[in-house]
N, C-alpha and C. Protein backbone atom coordinates (compact mmCIF):
# COMPACT_ATOMS: atom_id res chain seq x y z
N MET A 1 0.84 -1.18 0.00
CA MET A 1 0.00 0.00 0.00
C MET A 1 0.88 1.24 0.00
N LYS A 2 0.52 2.20 -0.78
CA LYS A 2 1.31 3.42 -0.88
C LYS A 2 0.86 4.48 0.11
N SER A 3 -0.39 4.44 0.52
CA SER A 3 -0.86 5.47 1.43
C SER A 3 -1.98 4.91 2.30
N PHE A 4 -2.29 5.66 3.35
CA PHE A 4 -3.36 5.22 4.23
C PHE A 4 -4.70 5.20 3.49
N SER A 5 -4.93 6.15 2.61
CA SER A 5 -6.21 6.19 1.89
C SER A 5 -6.39 4.94 1.03
N GLN A 6 -5.31 4.45 0.43
CA GLN A 6 -5.41 3.21 -0.34
C GLN A 6 -5.68 2.03 0.57
N TYR A 7 -5.01 1.99 1.70
CA TYR A 7 -5.21 0.93 2.69
C TYR A 7 -6.66 0.92 3.17
N LEU A 8 -7.17 2.10 3.49
CA LEU A 8 -8.54 2.20 3.97
C LEU A 8 -9.54 1.77 2.91
N LYS A 9 -9.29 2.12 1.69
CA LYS A 9 -10.18 1.73 0.60
C LYS A 9 -10.29 0.20 0.51
N VAL A 10 -9.16 -0.48 0.65
CA VAL A 10 -9.16 -1.94 0.62
C VAL A 10 -9.89 -2.50 1.84
N LYS A 11 -9.60 -1.95 3.02
CA LYS A 11 -10.23 -2.45 4.25
C LYS A 11 -11.73 -2.22 4.27
N MET A 12 -12.20 -1.13 3.66
CA MET A 12 -13.63 -0.83 3.68
C MET A 12 -14.44 -1.82 2.84
N ARG A 13 -13.79 -2.62 2.05
CA ARG A 13 -14.48 -3.67 1.29
C ARG A 13 -14.94 -4.81 2.21
N ASP A 14 -14.29 -4.94 3.35
CA ASP A 14 -14.65 -5.97 4.34
C ASP A 14 -15.85 -5.47 5.14
N PRO A 15 -17.01 -6.16 5.05
CA PRO A 15 -18.22 -5.67 5.73
C PRO A 15 -18.06 -5.57 7.25
N GLU A 16 -17.32 -6.47 7.85
CA GLU A 16 -17.13 -6.43 9.31
C GLU A 16 -16.29 -5.20 9.70
N TYR A 17 -15.25 -4.93 8.97
CA TYR A 17 -14.41 -3.76 9.23
C TYR A 17 -15.22 -2.48 9.04
N LYS A 18 -15.99 -2.41 7.96
CA LYS A 18 -16.79 -1.23 7.67
C LYS A 18 -17.80 -0.97 8.77
N LYS A 19 -18.38 -2.04 9.31
CA LYS A 19 -19.35 -1.89 10.40
C LYS A 19 -18.70 -1.24 11.62
N HIS A 20 -17.51 -1.70 11.98
CA HIS A 20 -16.80 -1.13 13.13
C HIS A 20 -16.34 0.31 12.85
N TYR A 21 -15.88 0.54 11.65
CA TYR A 21 -15.45 1.89 11.25
C TYR A 21 -16.62 2.87 11.32
N ASP A 22 -17.75 2.47 10.78
CA ASP A 22 -18.93 3.34 10.80
C ASP A 22 -19.46 3.57 12.21
N ALA A 23 -19.28 2.59 13.08
CA ALA A 23 -19.74 2.74 14.46
C ALA A 23 -18.96 3.83 15.20
N LEU A 24 -17.74 4.10 14.77
CA LEU A 24 -16.92 5.13 15.41
C LEU A 24 -17.20 6.54 14.90
N GLU A 25 -17.96 6.67 13.84
CA GLU A 25 -18.20 7.97 13.22
C GLU A 25 -18.79 9.02 14.18
N PRO A 26 -19.79 8.69 15.01
CA PRO A 26 -20.31 9.73 15.93
C PRO A 26 -19.25 10.26 16.89
N GLU A 27 -18.39 9.38 17.38
CA GLU A 27 -17.32 9.82 18.29
C GLU A 27 -16.31 10.69 17.53
N PHE A 28 -15.97 10.28 16.33
CA PHE A 28 -15.04 11.04 15.50
C PHE A 28 -15.61 12.42 15.18
N ALA A 29 -16.90 12.48 14.90
CA ALA A 29 -17.53 13.76 14.57
C ALA A 29 -17.48 14.74 15.75
N LYS A 30 -17.47 14.24 16.97
CA LYS A 30 -17.37 15.11 18.15
C LYS A 30 -15.92 15.52 18.42
N THR A 31 -14.99 14.64 18.14
CA THR A 31 -13.59 14.87 18.48
C THR A 31 -12.89 15.81 17.51
N MET A 32 -13.13 15.68 16.23
CA MET A 32 -12.40 16.47 15.25
C MET A 32 -12.58 17.99 15.40
N PRO A 33 -13.77 18.49 15.63
CA PRO A 33 -13.87 19.96 15.83
C PRO A 33 -13.08 20.46 17.03
N ILE A 34 -13.00 19.65 18.07
CA ILE A 34 -12.22 20.04 19.25
C ILE A 34 -10.75 20.15 18.88
N LEU A 35 -10.26 19.15 18.14
CA LEU A 35 -8.85 19.16 17.76
C LEU A 35 -8.53 20.29 16.78
N LYS A 36 -9.45 20.57 15.88
CA LYS A 36 -9.20 21.62 14.89
C LYS A 36 -9.24 23.01 15.50
N ASN A 37 -10.09 23.23 16.49
CA ASN A 37 -10.24 24.56 17.09
C ASN A 37 -9.28 24.82 18.24
N ASN A 38 -8.71 23.79 18.80
CA ASN A 38 -7.81 23.95 19.95
C ASN A 38 -6.50 23.22 19.69
N PRO A 39 -5.68 23.71 18.79
CA PRO A 39 -4.42 23.01 18.53
C PRO A 39 -3.52 23.05 19.76
N THR A 40 -2.79 22.02 19.95
CA THR A 40 -1.88 21.94 21.07
C THR A 40 -0.66 22.80 20.77
N PRO A 41 -0.35 23.75 21.63
CA PRO A 41 0.84 24.57 21.37
C PRO A 41 2.10 23.71 21.50
N GLU A 42 3.15 24.13 20.82
CA GLU A 42 4.40 23.41 20.95
C GLU A 42 4.87 23.50 22.39
N LEU A 43 5.29 22.38 22.91
CA LEU A 43 5.76 22.35 24.28
C LEU A 43 7.23 22.74 24.31
N LYS A 44 7.52 23.78 25.05
CA LYS A 44 8.90 24.25 25.19
C LYS A 44 9.22 24.30 26.68
N PRO A 45 10.45 23.95 27.04
CA PRO A 45 10.78 24.01 28.46
C PRO A 45 10.79 25.45 28.95
N ALA A 46 10.40 25.62 30.16
CA ALA A 46 10.39 26.95 30.76
C ALA A 46 11.83 27.41 30.96
N PRO A 47 12.11 28.68 30.76
CA PRO A 47 13.47 29.16 30.98
C PRO A 47 13.81 29.12 32.47
N PRO A 48 15.09 28.95 32.78
CA PRO A 48 15.45 28.92 34.20
C PRO A 48 15.29 30.31 34.81
N PRO A 49 15.08 30.39 36.11
CA PRO A 49 15.03 31.70 36.76
C PRO A 49 16.33 32.44 36.49
N SER A 50 16.26 33.74 36.40
CA SER A 50 17.44 34.53 36.02
C SER A 50 18.62 34.25 36.94
N GLY A 51 19.77 34.06 36.31
CA GLY A 51 21.00 33.83 37.06
C GLY A 51 21.18 32.42 37.56
N GLN A 52 20.26 31.52 37.29
CA GLN A 52 20.38 30.15 37.77
C GLN A 52 20.49 29.19 36.59
N LYS A 53 21.20 28.12 36.81
CA LYS A 53 21.32 27.09 35.78
C LYS A 53 20.52 25.87 36.24
N ILE A 54 19.78 25.30 35.31
CA ILE A 54 19.02 24.10 35.63
C ILE A 54 19.87 22.89 35.27
N PHE A 55 20.04 21.98 36.22
CA PHE A 55 20.80 20.77 35.98
C PHE A 55 19.83 19.64 35.70
N ASN A 56 20.11 18.93 34.63
CA ASN A 56 19.31 17.75 34.32
C ASN A 56 20.23 16.70 33.73
N ARG A 57 19.69 15.66 33.20
CA ARG A 57 20.52 14.56 32.71
C ARG A 57 21.30 14.94 31.45
N PHE A 58 21.01 16.06 30.85
CA PHE A 58 21.70 16.45 29.64
C PHE A 58 22.82 17.45 29.87
N ASN A 59 22.75 18.20 30.94
CA ASN A 59 23.78 19.25 31.15
C ASN A 59 24.15 19.34 32.63
N PHE A 60 24.92 18.41 33.11
CA PHE A 60 25.34 18.50 34.50
C PHE A 60 26.83 18.42 34.63
């Protein structure tokens, strides 16, 4: 398979798989707007307090 869409197209031919996939649609419909409207900001470490060095496993 070259892509997920091709994989899904093949899997959707299986009636049992399609039944389970379709059963998840209401949950997916509720989740996607939340994810689209509230993107997770990039997580960045907080800067150390001025004049202090933070010691961790990478810089000690």
